[in-house]
Amino acid sequence: MDIIPGIETASGALQAQRTRLDIIAQNIANAQTTRGPNGQPYARQVVSFESELIKRMGDSTTAPALRGVHVSQVTSDPRPGPSVHNPSHPDADAEGFVRMPNVNMAMEMVDLISATRAYEANLSVVKAGRDMATKTLDIGR
């Protein structure tokens, strides 16, 4: 039994945002990768979250379930990337165009800031829960 059940929900959100931050970092690192293992330009990865119910204290009739979040899947963005004219590039086609990854750095930076703020907010919830539990134990002394 958790003293502060909200910590469990916040920790799930922390894990989900951590995965999102990892995928964003991967997208940024591969923004110029024109040929991957499959021979195609890197395809931007997108994280999808899913809400989940967390059962609390064993009996759902006495205690309602909390809503949590987890990563349901990581998928590739199907949109094509831009074509750049660079005849000297090793991946250029017969007309001199190179297909670039569909990674938009501005979009990635916005996602990065959003994920960082969500991570920080959930971390604040965990810290506040820890402080509340500590104060509760102090009162019991």
N, C-alpha and C. Protein backbone atom coordinates (compact mmCIF):
# COMPACT_ATOMS: atom_id res chain seq x y z
N MET A 1 0.85 -1.19 0.00
CA MET A 1 0.00 0.00 0.00
C MET A 1 0.89 1.25 0.00
N ASP A 2 0.62 2.16 -0.90
CA ASP A 2 1.36 3.41 -0.97
C ASP A 2 0.77 4.42 0.01
N ILE A 3 1.66 5.17 0.65
CA ILE A 3 1.18 6.23 1.53
C ILE A 3 0.56 7.34 0.69
N ILE A 4 1.22 7.69 -0.38
CA ILE A 4 0.72 8.71 -1.31
C ILE A 4 0.56 8.04 -2.67
N PRO A 5 -0.66 7.60 -3.03
CA PRO A 5 -0.83 6.87 -4.30
C PRO A 5 -0.56 7.69 -5.55
N GLY A 6 -0.58 9.01 -5.47
CA GLY A 6 -0.31 9.85 -6.64
C GLY A 6 1.11 9.71 -7.15
N ILE A 7 2.01 9.26 -6.28
CA ILE A 7 3.40 9.08 -6.69
C ILE A 7 3.49 7.99 -7.76
N GLU A 8 2.68 6.95 -7.63
CA GLU A 8 2.70 5.87 -8.63
C GLU A 8 2.27 6.40 -10.00
N THR A 9 1.26 7.24 -10.02
CA THR A 9 0.79 7.83 -11.27
C THR A 9 1.86 8.74 -11.87
N ALA A 10 2.47 9.58 -11.03
CA ALA A 10 3.50 10.50 -11.51
C ALA A 10 4.73 9.74 -12.00
N SER A 11 5.07 8.63 -11.34
CA SER A 11 6.25 7.89 -11.78
C SER A 11 6.02 7.25 -13.15
N GLY A 12 4.79 6.81 -13.43
CA GLY A 12 4.47 6.30 -14.77
C GLY A 12 4.60 7.39 -15.82
N ALA A 13 4.16 8.59 -15.46
CA ALA A 13 4.27 9.72 -16.38
C ALA A 13 5.74 10.11 -16.59
N LEU A 14 6.54 10.00 -15.53
CA LEU A 14 7.98 10.28 -15.66
C LEU A 14 8.62 9.31 -16.65
N GLN A 15 8.28 8.04 -16.54
CA GLN A 15 8.83 7.04 -17.46
C GLN A 15 8.40 7.32 -18.90
N ALA A 16 7.14 7.69 -19.08
CA ALA A 16 6.63 7.97 -20.43
C ALA A 16 7.34 9.19 -21.03
N GLN A 17 7.52 10.25 -20.24
CA GLN A 17 8.19 11.44 -20.74
C GLN A 17 9.67 11.18 -21.00
N ARG A 18 10.26 10.29 -20.21
CA ARG A 18 11.67 9.93 -20.44
C ARG A 18 11.81 9.25 -21.80
N THR A 19 10.88 8.35 -22.10
CA THR A 19 10.89 7.69 -23.41
C THR A 19 10.72 8.73 -24.51
N ARG A 20 9.82 9.66 -24.31
CA ARG A 20 9.59 10.73 -25.30
C ARG A 20 10.85 11.56 -25.51
N LEU A 21 11.54 11.90 -24.42
CA LEU A 21 12.79 12.65 -24.53
C LEU A 21 13.86 11.86 -25.28
N ASP A 22 13.93 10.56 -25.04
CA ASP A 22 14.90 9.71 -25.74
C ASP A 22 14.62 9.68 -27.24
N ILE A 23 13.34 9.57 -27.61
CA ILE A 23 12.96 9.53 -29.03
C ILE A 23 13.24 10.88 -29.70
N ILE A 24 12.97 11.97 -29.00
CA ILE A 24 13.27 13.30 -29.56
C ILE A 24 14.77 13.44 -29.79
N ALA A 25 15.56 13.00 -28.83
CA ALA A 25 17.02 13.07 -28.99
C ALA A 25 17.48 12.23 -30.18
N GLN A 26 16.85 11.08 -30.36
CA GLN A 26 17.18 10.22 -31.51
C GLN A 26 16.82 10.92 -32.82
N ASN A 27 15.67 11.58 -32.85
CA ASN A 27 15.26 12.32 -34.06
C ASN A 27 16.25 13.43 -34.39
N ILE A 28 16.66 14.18 -33.37
CA ILE A 28 17.60 15.28 -33.59
C ILE A 28 18.95 14.74 -34.07
N ALA A 29 19.40 13.65 -33.47
CA ALA A 29 20.69 13.07 -33.85
C ALA A 29 20.69 12.57 -35.29
N ASN A 30 19.54 12.15 -35.80
CA ASN A 30 19.45 11.60 -37.15
C ASN A 30 18.85 12.56 -38.16
N ALA A 31 18.83 13.84 -37.85
CA ALA A 31 18.21 14.84 -38.73
C ALA A 31 18.87 14.94 -40.09
N GLN A 32 20.11 14.48 -40.22
CA GLN A 32 20.82 14.55 -41.51
C GLN A 32 21.17 13.16 -42.06
N THR A 33 20.60 12.11 -41.49
CA THR A 33 20.90 10.74 -41.93
C THR A 33 20.10 10.43 -43.19
N THR A 34 20.78 10.37 -44.31
CA THR A 34 20.11 10.16 -45.59
C THR A 34 19.99 8.69 -45.98
N ARG A 35 20.73 7.82 -45.27
CA ARG A 35 20.61 6.39 -45.57
C ARG A 35 20.75 5.60 -44.28
N GLY A 36 19.67 4.90 -43.93
CA GLY A 36 19.69 4.07 -42.74
C GLY A 36 19.94 2.62 -43.11
N PRO A 37 19.75 1.71 -42.18
CA PRO A 37 19.97 0.28 -42.45
C PRO A 37 19.09 -0.27 -43.58
N ASN A 38 17.92 0.35 -43.76
CA ASN A 38 17.01 -0.10 -44.82
C ASN A 38 17.29 0.59 -46.16
N GLY A 39 18.32 1.45 -46.21
CA GLY A 39 18.67 2.15 -47.44
C GLY A 39 17.88 3.42 -47.68
N GLN A 40 16.95 3.72 -46.81
CA GLN A 40 16.09 4.90 -46.94
C GLN A 40 16.54 5.99 -45.95
N PRO A 41 16.11 7.24 -46.17
CA PRO A 41 16.42 8.29 -45.20
C PRO A 41 15.76 7.96 -43.85
N TYR A 42 16.32 8.49 -42.79
CA TYR A 42 15.77 8.30 -41.46
C TYR A 42 14.35 8.82 -41.42
N ALA A 43 13.46 8.08 -40.80
CA ALA A 43 12.06 8.50 -40.64
C ALA A 43 11.86 8.94 -39.18
N ARG A 44 11.33 10.12 -39.01
CA ARG A 44 11.06 10.67 -37.67
C ARG A 44 10.21 9.70 -36.88
N GLN A 45 10.58 9.50 -35.61
CA GLN A 45 9.82 8.62 -34.72
C GLN A 45 8.87 9.46 -33.86
N VAL A 46 7.69 8.92 -33.60
CA VAL A 46 6.67 9.61 -32.83
C VAL A 46 6.20 8.70 -31.70
N VAL A 47 6.10 9.25 -30.50
CA VAL A 47 5.66 8.49 -29.33
C VAL A 47 4.17 8.72 -29.13
N SER A 48 3.44 7.62 -28.88
CA SER A 48 2.01 7.71 -28.58
C SER A 48 1.79 7.26 -27.14
N PHE A 49 1.05 8.06 -26.40
CA PHE A 49 0.72 7.74 -25.01
C PHE A 49 -0.66 7.12 -24.94
N GLU A 50 -0.88 6.38 -23.88
CA GLU A 50 -2.19 5.76 -23.66
C GLU A 50 -2.51 5.86 -22.18
N SER A 51 -3.75 6.17 -21.88
CA SER A 51 -4.19 6.26 -20.50
C SER A 51 -4.41 4.85 -19.95
N GLU A 52 -4.09 4.67 -18.69
CA GLU A 52 -4.33 3.37 -18.08
C GLU A 52 -4.91 3.57 -16.69
N LEU A 53 -5.66 2.60 -16.26
CA LEU A 53 -6.21 2.64 -14.91
C LEU A 53 -5.27 1.88 -13.99
N ILE A 54 -4.99 2.46 -12.87
CA ILE A 54 -4.13 1.82 -11.88
C ILE A 54 -5.00 1.42 -10.71
N LYS A 55 -5.07 0.12 -10.44
CA LYS A 55 -5.88 -0.37 -9.34
C LYS A 55 -5.18 -0.03 -8.03
N ARG A 56 -5.96 0.44 -7.08
CA ARG A 56 -5.40 0.93 -5.83
C ARG A 56 -6.01 0.18 -4.66
N MET A 57 -5.22 -0.24 -3.73
CA MET A 57 -5.63 -0.89 -2.48
C MET A 57 -6.48 -2.14 -2.69
N GLY A 58 -6.29 -2.83 -3.76
CA GLY A 58 -6.89 -4.14 -3.96
C GLY A 58 -8.35 -4.16 -4.34
N ASP A 59 -9.21 -3.38 -3.74
CA ASP A 59 -10.64 -3.45 -4.00
C ASP A 59 -11.09 -2.18 -4.70
N SER A 60 -11.52 -2.30 -5.94
CA SER A 60 -11.90 -1.12 -6.73
C SER A 60 -13.22 -0.51 -6.26
N THR A 61 -14.01 -1.21 -5.41
CA THR A 61 -15.26 -0.63 -4.93
C THR A 61 -15.02 0.36 -3.81
N THR A 62 -13.97 0.17 -3.01
CA THR A 62 -13.70 1.09 -1.91
C THR A 62 -12.78 2.23 -2.31
N ALA A 63 -11.98 2.02 -3.31
CA ALA A 63 -11.05 3.06 -3.74
C ALA A 63 -11.07 3.14 -5.26
N PRO A 64 -11.42 4.30 -5.80
CA PRO A 64 -11.45 4.42 -7.26
C PRO A 64 -10.06 4.27 -7.87
N ALA A 65 -10.04 3.83 -9.10
CA ALA A 65 -8.77 3.66 -9.80
C ALA A 65 -8.22 5.03 -10.20
N LEU A 66 -6.93 5.14 -10.18
CA LEU A 66 -6.27 6.36 -10.64
C LEU A 66 -5.99 6.25 -12.13
N ARG A 67 -5.89 7.35 -12.78
CA ARG A 67 -5.53 7.34 -14.19
C ARG A 67 -4.03 7.57 -14.29
N GLY A 68 -3.39 6.74 -15.06
CA GLY A 68 -1.97 6.88 -15.33
C GLY A 68 -1.75 6.97 -16.82
N VAL A 69 -0.52 7.02 -17.22
CA VAL A 69 -0.19 7.09 -18.63
C VAL A 69 1.03 6.21 -18.87
N HIS A 70 1.07 5.62 -20.05
CA HIS A 70 2.25 4.86 -20.46
C HIS A 70 2.41 4.99 -21.97
N VAL A 71 3.57 4.63 -22.46
CA VAL A 71 3.84 4.67 -23.90
C VAL A 71 3.16 3.47 -24.53
N SER A 72 2.25 3.72 -25.46
CA SER A 72 1.57 2.61 -26.12
C SER A 72 2.37 2.11 -27.32
N GLN A 73 3.01 3.04 -28.04
CA GLN A 73 3.81 2.63 -29.19
C GLN A 73 4.69 3.77 -29.68
N VAL A 74 5.73 3.39 -30.38
CA VAL A 74 6.60 4.35 -31.06
C VAL A 74 6.51 4.00 -32.54
N THR A 75 6.06 4.97 -33.35
CA THR A 75 5.85 4.72 -34.77
C THR A 75 6.68 5.69 -35.61
N SER A 76 6.83 5.34 -36.86
CA SER A 76 7.53 6.22 -37.80
C SER A 76 6.55 7.18 -38.44
N ASP A 77 6.95 8.41 -38.58
CA ASP A 77 6.14 9.42 -39.26
C ASP A 77 6.18 9.11 -40.76
N PRO A 78 5.02 8.87 -41.40
CA PRO A 78 5.01 8.46 -42.81
C PRO A 78 5.26 9.58 -43.81
N ARG A 79 5.25 10.83 -43.37
CA ARG A 79 5.43 11.94 -44.30
C ARG A 79 6.82 11.90 -44.92
N PRO A 80 6.91 12.19 -46.20
CA PRO A 80 8.24 12.19 -46.84
C PRO A 80 9.04 13.43 -46.45
N GLY A 81 10.34 13.28 -46.46
CA GLY A 81 11.21 14.41 -46.17
C GLY A 81 11.44 15.23 -47.43
N PRO A 82 12.06 16.37 -47.28
CA PRO A 82 12.33 17.22 -48.45
C PRO A 82 13.42 16.64 -49.33
N SER A 83 13.40 17.03 -50.58
CA SER A 83 14.47 16.67 -51.52
C SER A 83 15.36 17.89 -51.71
N VAL A 84 16.65 17.67 -51.61
CA VAL A 84 17.63 18.74 -51.73
C VAL A 84 18.52 18.46 -52.93
N HIS A 85 18.78 19.48 -53.73
CA HIS A 85 19.65 19.30 -54.89
C HIS A 85 21.10 19.37 -54.45
N ASN A 86 21.79 18.23 -54.53
CA ASN A 86 23.19 18.15 -54.17
C ASN A 86 23.81 17.00 -54.97
N PRO A 87 24.19 17.25 -56.22
CA PRO A 87 24.67 16.18 -57.09
C PRO A 87 25.93 15.49 -56.58
N SER A 88 26.70 16.12 -55.72
CA SER A 88 27.94 15.49 -55.22
C SER A 88 27.70 14.56 -54.03
N HIS A 89 26.50 14.54 -53.52
CA HIS A 89 26.19 13.68 -52.36
C HIS A 89 26.15 12.22 -52.80
N PRO A 90 26.69 11.29 -52.02
CA PRO A 90 26.70 9.88 -52.43
C PRO A 90 25.31 9.25 -52.56
N ASP A 91 24.30 9.84 -51.91
CA ASP A 91 22.93 9.30 -52.00
C ASP A 91 22.06 10.04 -53.01
N ALA A 92 22.66 10.87 -53.85
CA ALA A 92 21.89 11.63 -54.85
C ALA A 92 21.38 10.69 -55.93
N ASP A 93 20.17 10.99 -56.43
CA ASP A 93 19.61 10.19 -57.53
C ASP A 93 20.19 10.66 -58.86
N ALA A 94 19.66 10.17 -59.94
CA ALA A 94 20.20 10.49 -61.27
C ALA A 94 20.10 11.98 -61.60
N GLU A 95 19.11 12.68 -61.02
CA GLU A 95 18.96 14.11 -61.28
C GLU A 95 19.69 14.97 -60.26
N GLY A 96 20.38 14.36 -59.31
CA GLY A 96 21.16 15.11 -58.33
C GLY A 96 20.41 15.48 -57.06
N PHE A 97 19.22 14.90 -56.85
CA PHE A 97 18.44 15.22 -55.66
C PHE A 97 18.67 14.15 -54.58
N VAL A 98 18.74 14.62 -53.34
CA VAL A 98 18.92 13.74 -52.19
C VAL A 98 17.67 13.85 -51.33
N ARG A 99 17.07 12.71 -51.01
CA ARG A 99 15.91 12.72 -50.09
C ARG A 99 16.43 12.81 -48.67
N MET A 100 16.00 13.83 -47.95
CA MET A 100 16.43 14.08 -46.58
C MET A 100 15.41 13.50 -45.60
N PRO A 101 15.80 13.30 -44.36
CA PRO A 101 14.85 12.84 -43.35
C PRO A 101 13.73 13.84 -43.13
N ASN A 102 12.60 13.36 -42.64
CA ASN A 102 11.45 14.23 -42.40
C ASN A 102 11.47 14.84 -41.01
N VAL A 103 12.65 15.11 -40.49
CA VAL A 103 12.82 15.71 -39.16
C VAL A 103 12.84 17.22 -39.30
N ASN A 104 11.91 17.90 -38.64
CA ASN A 104 11.83 19.35 -38.62
C ASN A 104 12.40 19.80 -37.27
N MET A 105 13.55 20.45 -37.29
CA MET A 105 14.23 20.80 -36.04
C MET A 105 13.39 21.72 -35.15
N ALA A 106 12.63 22.63 -35.73
CA ALA A 106 11.79 23.52 -34.92
C ALA A 106 10.73 22.71 -34.18
N MET A 107 10.12 21.75 -34.87
CA MET A 107 9.11 20.90 -34.24
C MET A 107 9.74 20.05 -33.14
N GLU A 108 10.93 19.55 -33.38
CA GLU A 108 11.62 18.73 -32.38
C GLU A 108 11.96 19.56 -31.14
N MET A 109 12.37 20.80 -31.34
CA MET A 109 12.70 21.65 -30.19
C MET A 109 11.45 21.99 -29.37
N VAL A 110 10.33 22.22 -30.04
CA VAL A 110 9.08 22.47 -29.33
C VAL A 110 8.68 21.23 -28.54
N ASP A 111 8.78 20.06 -29.16
CA ASP A 111 8.49 18.81 -28.46
C ASP A 111 9.43 18.59 -27.28
N LEU A 112 10.70 18.94 -27.46
CA LEU A 112 11.68 18.79 -26.41
C LEU A 112 11.34 19.66 -25.20
N ILE A 113 10.98 20.90 -25.45
CA ILE A 113 10.61 21.80 -24.35
C ILE A 113 9.35 21.30 -23.66
N SER A 114 8.37 20.87 -24.44
CA SER A 114 7.12 20.36 -23.87
C SER A 114 7.37 19.12 -23.01
N ALA A 115 8.17 18.19 -23.50
CA ALA A 115 8.46 16.97 -22.74
C ALA A 115 9.26 17.29 -21.49
N THR A 116 10.19 18.22 -21.58
CA THR A 116 10.99 18.61 -20.42
C THR A 116 10.11 19.23 -19.34
N ARG A 117 9.20 20.10 -19.75
CA ARG A 117 8.30 20.74 -18.77
C ARG A 117 7.37 19.71 -18.13
N ALA A 118 6.85 18.77 -18.92
CA ALA A 118 5.99 17.72 -18.36
C ALA A 118 6.78 16.84 -17.39
N TYR A 119 8.02 16.54 -17.73
CA TYR A 119 8.87 15.73 -16.85
C TYR A 119 9.10 16.48 -15.53
N GLU A 120 9.42 17.76 -15.62
CA GLU A 120 9.66 18.56 -14.42
C GLU A 120 8.41 18.66 -13.55
N ALA A 121 7.24 18.81 -14.17
CA ALA A 121 5.99 18.89 -13.42
C ALA A 121 5.72 17.59 -12.66
N ASN A 122 5.94 16.46 -13.33
CA ASN A 122 5.73 15.18 -12.66
C ASN A 122 6.77 14.94 -11.57
N LEU A 123 7.97 15.40 -11.78
CA LEU A 123 9.01 15.29 -10.75
C LEU A 123 8.63 16.12 -9.52
N SER A 124 8.02 17.27 -9.75
CA SER A 124 7.55 18.10 -8.63
C SER A 124 6.47 17.38 -7.84
N VAL A 125 5.60 16.65 -8.52
CA VAL A 125 4.56 15.88 -7.84
C VAL A 125 5.19 14.81 -6.96
N VAL A 126 6.19 14.12 -7.48
CA VAL A 126 6.87 13.08 -6.70
C VAL A 126 7.54 13.70 -5.48
N LYS A 127 8.22 14.83 -5.66
CA LYS A 127 8.89 15.48 -4.54
C LYS A 127 7.88 15.96 -3.49
N ALA A 128 6.77 16.52 -3.94
CA ALA A 128 5.73 16.96 -3.00
C ALA A 128 5.14 15.76 -2.25
N GLY A 129 4.93 14.66 -2.94
CA GLY A 129 4.43 13.45 -2.28
C GLY A 129 5.40 12.92 -1.24
N ARG A 130 6.68 12.95 -1.58
CA ARG A 130 7.71 12.52 -0.63
C ARG A 130 7.72 13.43 0.60
N ASP A 131 7.61 14.74 0.37
CA ASP A 131 7.58 15.69 1.48
C ASP A 131 6.35 15.47 2.36
N MET A 132 5.20 15.20 1.73
CA MET A 132 3.99 14.94 2.49
C MET A 132 4.13 13.69 3.34
N ALA A 133 4.71 12.65 2.79
CA ALA A 133 4.91 11.41 3.53
C ALA A 133 5.86 11.64 4.70
N THR A 134 6.89 12.42 4.49
CA THR A 134 7.84 12.73 5.56
C THR A 134 7.17 13.51 6.68
N LYS A 135 6.36 14.51 6.31
CA LYS A 135 5.64 15.30 7.32
C LYS A 135 4.66 14.42 8.08
N THR A 136 4.01 13.48 7.38
CA THR A 136 3.07 12.58 8.04
C THR A 136 3.79 11.72 9.07
N LEU A 137 4.95 11.22 8.72
CA LEU A 137 5.73 10.42 9.66
C LEU A 137 6.21 11.25 10.84
N ASP A 138 6.56 12.51 10.58
CA ASP A 138 6.99 13.41 11.66
C ASP A 138 5.85 13.68 12.64
N ILE A 139 4.63 13.81 12.14
CA ILE A 139 3.47 14.05 12.99
C ILE A 139 3.23 12.83 13.90
N GLY A 140 3.47 11.65 13.36
CA GLY A 140 3.24 10.41 14.12
C GLY A 140 4.24 10.18 15.24
N ARG A 141 5.29 10.94 15.30
CA ARG A 141 6.30 10.73 16.36
C ARG A 141 5.89 11.33 17.67
